[in-house]
């Protein structure tokens, strides 16, 4: 059985990985925002179904990235609460 210190260290390592992942997701969100802006400029005024679908897909992707960040933030909070009880 692992010691309390070993458990805390393992949790801290896992949370470091989560935080690194959050940074990558946030960067992806920024790139997605840039892509949406560039697309909006390039296709301004187009009402083609494919353009509208593309905008909708990018908006959905942005929403899902935000949800990912919220879920991982909740996971970090729960892990921190658990470590505090050890």
N, C-alpha and C. Protein backbone atom coordinates (compact mmCIF):
# COMPACT_ATOMS: atom_id res chain seq x y z
N UNK A 1 0.84 -1.18 0.00
CA UNK A 1 0.00 0.00 0.00
C UNK A 1 0.89 1.25 0.00
N UNK A 2 0.50 2.23 -0.78
CA UNK A 2 1.28 3.45 -0.91
C UNK A 2 1.10 4.33 0.32
N UNK A 3 2.14 5.06 0.63
CA UNK A 3 2.07 5.99 1.76
C UNK A 3 1.25 7.21 1.35
N UNK A 4 0.85 7.99 2.33
CA UNK A 4 0.09 9.21 2.06
C UNK A 4 0.92 10.15 1.19
N UNK A 5 2.19 10.25 1.47
CA UNK A 5 3.06 11.12 0.68
C UNK A 5 3.12 10.66 -0.78
N UNK A 6 3.17 9.33 -0.98
CA UNK A 6 3.21 8.81 -2.33
C UNK A 6 1.90 9.07 -3.07
N UNK A 7 0.79 8.93 -2.37
CA UNK A 7 -0.51 9.21 -2.98
C UNK A 7 -0.61 10.68 -3.36
N UNK A 8 -0.21 11.56 -2.44
CA UNK A 8 -0.24 13.00 -2.73
C UNK A 8 0.64 13.32 -3.93
N UNK A 9 1.82 12.74 -3.98
CA UNK A 9 2.73 12.99 -5.09
C UNK A 9 2.14 12.52 -6.41
N UNK A 10 1.51 11.36 -6.39
CA UNK A 10 0.90 10.83 -7.61
C UNK A 10 -0.25 11.72 -8.08
N UNK A 11 -1.05 12.18 -7.14
CA UNK A 11 -2.16 13.08 -7.49
C UNK A 11 -1.61 14.39 -8.04
N UNK A 12 -0.58 14.92 -7.40
CA UNK A 12 0.01 16.17 -7.89
C UNK A 12 0.57 16.02 -9.30
N UNK A 13 1.20 14.88 -9.57
CA UNK A 13 1.71 14.62 -10.91
C UNK A 13 0.57 14.56 -11.92
N UNK A 14 -0.49 13.86 -11.56
CA UNK A 14 -1.65 13.77 -12.45
C UNK A 14 -2.24 15.15 -12.72
N UNK A 15 -2.33 15.97 -11.68
CA UNK A 15 -2.92 17.30 -11.85
C UNK A 15 -2.01 18.20 -12.68
N UNK A 16 -0.69 17.99 -12.60
CA UNK A 16 0.22 18.74 -13.47
C UNK A 16 -0.08 18.39 -14.94
N UNK A 17 -0.33 17.13 -15.19
CA UNK A 17 -0.67 16.71 -16.56
C UNK A 17 -2.00 17.35 -17.00
N UNK A 18 -2.95 17.41 -16.10
CA UNK A 18 -4.23 18.04 -16.42
C UNK A 18 -4.02 19.51 -16.75
N UNK A 19 -3.22 20.20 -15.93
CA UNK A 19 -2.97 21.62 -16.17
C UNK A 19 -2.25 21.84 -17.50
N UNK A 20 -1.31 20.96 -17.84
CA UNK A 20 -0.66 21.05 -19.15
C UNK A 20 -1.69 20.85 -20.26
N UNK A 21 -2.58 19.90 -20.07
CA UNK A 21 -3.64 19.68 -21.05
C UNK A 21 -4.55 20.88 -21.20
N UNK A 22 -4.85 21.52 -20.08
CA UNK A 22 -5.68 22.72 -20.12
C UNK A 22 -5.01 23.82 -20.94
N UNK A 23 -3.70 23.95 -20.78
CA UNK A 23 -2.97 24.95 -21.57
C UNK A 23 -3.08 24.66 -23.06
N UNK A 24 -2.99 23.39 -23.42
CA UNK A 24 -3.09 23.01 -24.83
C UNK A 24 -4.50 23.27 -25.34
N UNK A 25 -5.51 22.94 -24.54
CA UNK A 25 -6.90 23.18 -24.94
C UNK A 25 -7.15 24.68 -25.10
N UNK A 26 -6.64 25.46 -24.16
CA UNK A 26 -6.82 26.93 -24.25
C UNK A 26 -6.15 27.47 -25.51
N UNK A 27 -4.95 26.97 -25.83
CA UNK A 27 -4.26 27.39 -27.05
C UNK A 27 -5.05 26.99 -28.29
N UNK A 28 -5.63 25.80 -28.25
CA UNK A 28 -6.47 25.36 -29.37
C UNK A 28 -7.67 26.27 -29.52
N UNK A 29 -8.25 26.69 -28.40
CA UNK A 29 -9.37 27.62 -28.45
C UNK A 29 -9.00 28.94 -29.08
N UNK A 30 -7.80 29.42 -28.74
CA UNK A 30 -7.33 30.68 -29.33
C UNK A 30 -7.15 30.53 -30.84
N UNK A 31 -6.56 29.42 -31.27
CA UNK A 31 -6.38 29.18 -32.71
C UNK A 31 -7.73 29.04 -33.41
N UNK A 32 -8.67 28.41 -32.75
CA UNK A 32 -10.00 28.25 -33.31
C UNK A 32 -10.67 29.62 -33.49
N UNK A 33 -10.50 30.48 -32.52
CA UNK A 33 -11.05 31.84 -32.62
C UNK A 33 -10.41 32.58 -33.80
N UNK A 34 -9.10 32.42 -33.95
CA UNK A 34 -8.42 33.04 -35.09
C UNK A 34 -8.97 32.50 -36.41
N UNK A 35 -9.18 31.20 -36.46
CA UNK A 35 -9.71 30.58 -37.67
C UNK A 35 -11.11 31.09 -37.98
N UNK A 36 -11.94 31.21 -36.94
CA UNK A 36 -13.29 31.73 -37.14
C UNK A 36 -13.25 33.14 -37.70
N UNK A 37 -12.36 33.97 -37.16
CA UNK A 37 -12.25 35.34 -37.64
C UNK A 37 -11.79 35.41 -39.09
N UNK A 38 -10.78 34.61 -39.42
CA UNK A 38 -10.27 34.59 -40.79
C UNK A 38 -11.33 34.09 -41.76
N UNK A 39 -12.05 33.07 -41.34
CA UNK A 39 -13.12 32.53 -42.18
C UNK A 39 -14.22 33.55 -42.38
N UNK A 40 -14.57 34.26 -41.33
CA UNK A 40 -15.62 35.27 -41.43
C UNK A 40 -15.24 36.36 -42.42
N UNK A 41 -13.98 36.77 -42.40
CA UNK A 41 -13.52 37.80 -43.33
C UNK A 41 -13.50 37.25 -44.75
N UNK A 42 -12.98 36.06 -44.92
CA UNK A 42 -12.84 35.48 -46.26
C UNK A 42 -14.18 35.18 -46.91
N UNK A 43 -15.16 34.80 -46.10
CA UNK A 43 -16.43 34.37 -46.65
C UNK A 43 -17.58 35.32 -46.31
N UNK A 44 -17.24 36.55 -46.02
CA UNK A 44 -18.23 37.55 -45.64
C UNK A 44 -19.33 37.67 -46.70
N UNK A 45 -20.54 37.54 -46.23
CA UNK A 45 -21.68 37.70 -47.11
C UNK A 45 -22.13 36.42 -47.80
N UNK A 46 -21.36 35.37 -47.67
CA UNK A 46 -21.74 34.12 -48.31
C UNK A 46 -22.83 33.45 -47.48
N UNK A 47 -23.85 33.03 -48.15
CA UNK A 47 -24.93 32.33 -47.48
C UNK A 47 -24.98 30.86 -47.87
N UNK A 48 -23.91 30.40 -48.47
CA UNK A 48 -23.87 29.01 -48.93
C UNK A 48 -24.01 28.07 -47.72
N UNK A 49 -24.72 26.99 -47.94
CA UNK A 49 -24.96 26.03 -46.86
C UNK A 49 -23.67 25.50 -46.25
N UNK A 50 -22.67 25.26 -47.08
CA UNK A 50 -21.40 24.73 -46.58
C UNK A 50 -20.70 25.74 -45.67
N UNK A 51 -20.81 27.01 -46.01
CA UNK A 51 -20.20 28.07 -45.18
C UNK A 51 -20.92 28.15 -43.85
N UNK A 52 -22.23 28.11 -43.89
CA UNK A 52 -23.01 28.16 -42.65
C UNK A 52 -22.72 26.94 -41.78
N UNK A 53 -22.58 25.78 -42.40
CA UNK A 53 -22.27 24.56 -41.66
C UNK A 53 -20.87 24.64 -41.05
N UNK A 54 -19.96 25.21 -41.78
CA UNK A 54 -18.60 25.38 -41.28
C UNK A 54 -18.59 26.28 -40.06
N UNK A 55 -19.28 27.42 -40.14
CA UNK A 55 -19.40 28.33 -38.99
C UNK A 55 -20.02 27.61 -37.79
N UNK A 56 -21.05 26.85 -38.03
CA UNK A 56 -21.73 26.13 -36.94
C UNK A 56 -20.80 25.09 -36.31
N UNK A 57 -20.04 24.38 -37.15
CA UNK A 57 -19.12 23.37 -36.64
C UNK A 57 -18.02 24.00 -35.80
N UNK A 58 -17.50 25.13 -36.26
CA UNK A 58 -16.46 25.82 -35.48
C UNK A 58 -17.02 26.34 -34.16
N UNK A 59 -18.24 26.85 -34.18
CA UNK A 59 -18.87 27.31 -32.95
C UNK A 59 -19.07 26.15 -31.98
N UNK A 60 -19.47 25.00 -32.50
CA UNK A 60 -19.65 23.81 -31.66
C UNK A 60 -18.31 23.37 -31.07
N UNK A 61 -17.28 23.40 -31.87
CA UNK A 61 -15.95 23.01 -31.40
C UNK A 61 -15.49 23.94 -30.28
N UNK A 62 -15.73 25.23 -30.43
CA UNK A 62 -15.36 26.20 -29.39
C UNK A 62 -16.11 25.92 -28.10
N UNK A 63 -17.38 25.61 -28.21
CA UNK A 63 -18.20 25.29 -27.05
C UNK A 63 -17.65 24.05 -26.34
N UNK A 64 -17.30 23.04 -27.12
CA UNK A 64 -16.80 21.80 -26.53
C UNK A 64 -15.43 22.00 -25.87
N UNK A 65 -14.61 22.87 -26.42
CA UNK A 65 -13.33 23.19 -25.76
C UNK A 65 -13.58 23.88 -24.42
N UNK A 66 -14.54 24.80 -24.40
CA UNK A 66 -14.89 25.47 -23.15
C UNK A 66 -15.40 24.46 -22.13
N UNK A 67 -16.23 23.52 -22.58
CA UNK A 67 -16.74 22.48 -21.68
C UNK A 67 -15.61 21.61 -21.15
N UNK A 68 -14.63 21.32 -21.99
CA UNK A 68 -13.47 20.54 -21.58
C UNK A 68 -12.70 21.27 -20.48
N UNK A 69 -12.49 22.56 -20.66
CA UNK A 69 -11.79 23.34 -19.65
C UNK A 69 -12.56 23.35 -18.33
N UNK A 70 -13.87 23.49 -18.41
CA UNK A 70 -14.68 23.50 -17.19
C UNK A 70 -14.63 22.15 -16.49
N UNK A 71 -14.71 21.08 -17.25
CA UNK A 71 -14.68 19.74 -16.66
C UNK A 71 -13.34 19.45 -16.00
N UNK A 72 -12.25 19.84 -16.66
CA UNK A 72 -10.94 19.57 -16.08
C UNK A 72 -10.68 20.47 -14.87
N UNK A 73 -11.22 21.68 -14.89
CA UNK A 73 -11.10 22.55 -13.71
C UNK A 73 -11.83 21.93 -12.52
N UNK A 74 -12.98 21.36 -12.78
CA UNK A 74 -13.74 20.69 -11.71
C UNK A 74 -12.96 19.48 -11.18
N UNK A 75 -12.31 18.76 -12.08
CA UNK A 75 -11.52 17.60 -11.66
C UNK A 75 -10.35 18.03 -10.78
N UNK A 76 -9.69 19.10 -11.15
CA UNK A 76 -8.58 19.62 -10.34
C UNK A 76 -9.08 20.03 -8.97
N UNK A 77 -10.20 20.71 -8.93
CA UNK A 77 -10.78 21.15 -7.65
C UNK A 77 -11.09 19.94 -6.75
N UNK A 78 -11.68 18.91 -7.33
CA UNK A 78 -12.01 17.72 -6.56
C UNK A 78 -10.74 17.03 -6.05
N UNK A 79 -9.73 16.96 -6.90
CA UNK A 79 -8.47 16.34 -6.50
C UNK A 79 -7.82 17.13 -5.36
N UNK A 80 -7.87 18.45 -5.47
CA UNK A 80 -7.30 19.30 -4.41
C UNK A 80 -8.05 19.10 -3.09
N UNK A 81 -9.36 18.97 -3.17
CA UNK A 81 -10.15 18.73 -1.97
C UNK A 81 -9.78 17.39 -1.35
N UNK A 82 -9.59 16.38 -2.18
CA UNK A 82 -9.23 15.05 -1.67
C UNK A 82 -7.85 15.09 -1.01
N UNK A 83 -6.89 15.73 -1.68
CA UNK A 83 -5.55 15.81 -1.11
C UNK A 83 -5.56 16.51 0.24
N UNK A 84 -6.42 17.51 0.37
CA UNK A 84 -6.52 18.24 1.64
C UNK A 84 -7.02 17.34 2.78
N UNK A 85 -7.72 16.27 2.44
CA UNK A 85 -8.22 15.37 3.49
C UNK A 85 -7.18 14.33 3.91
N UNK A 86 -6.12 14.20 3.12
CA UNK A 86 -5.11 13.18 3.42
C UNK A 86 -4.20 13.62 4.56
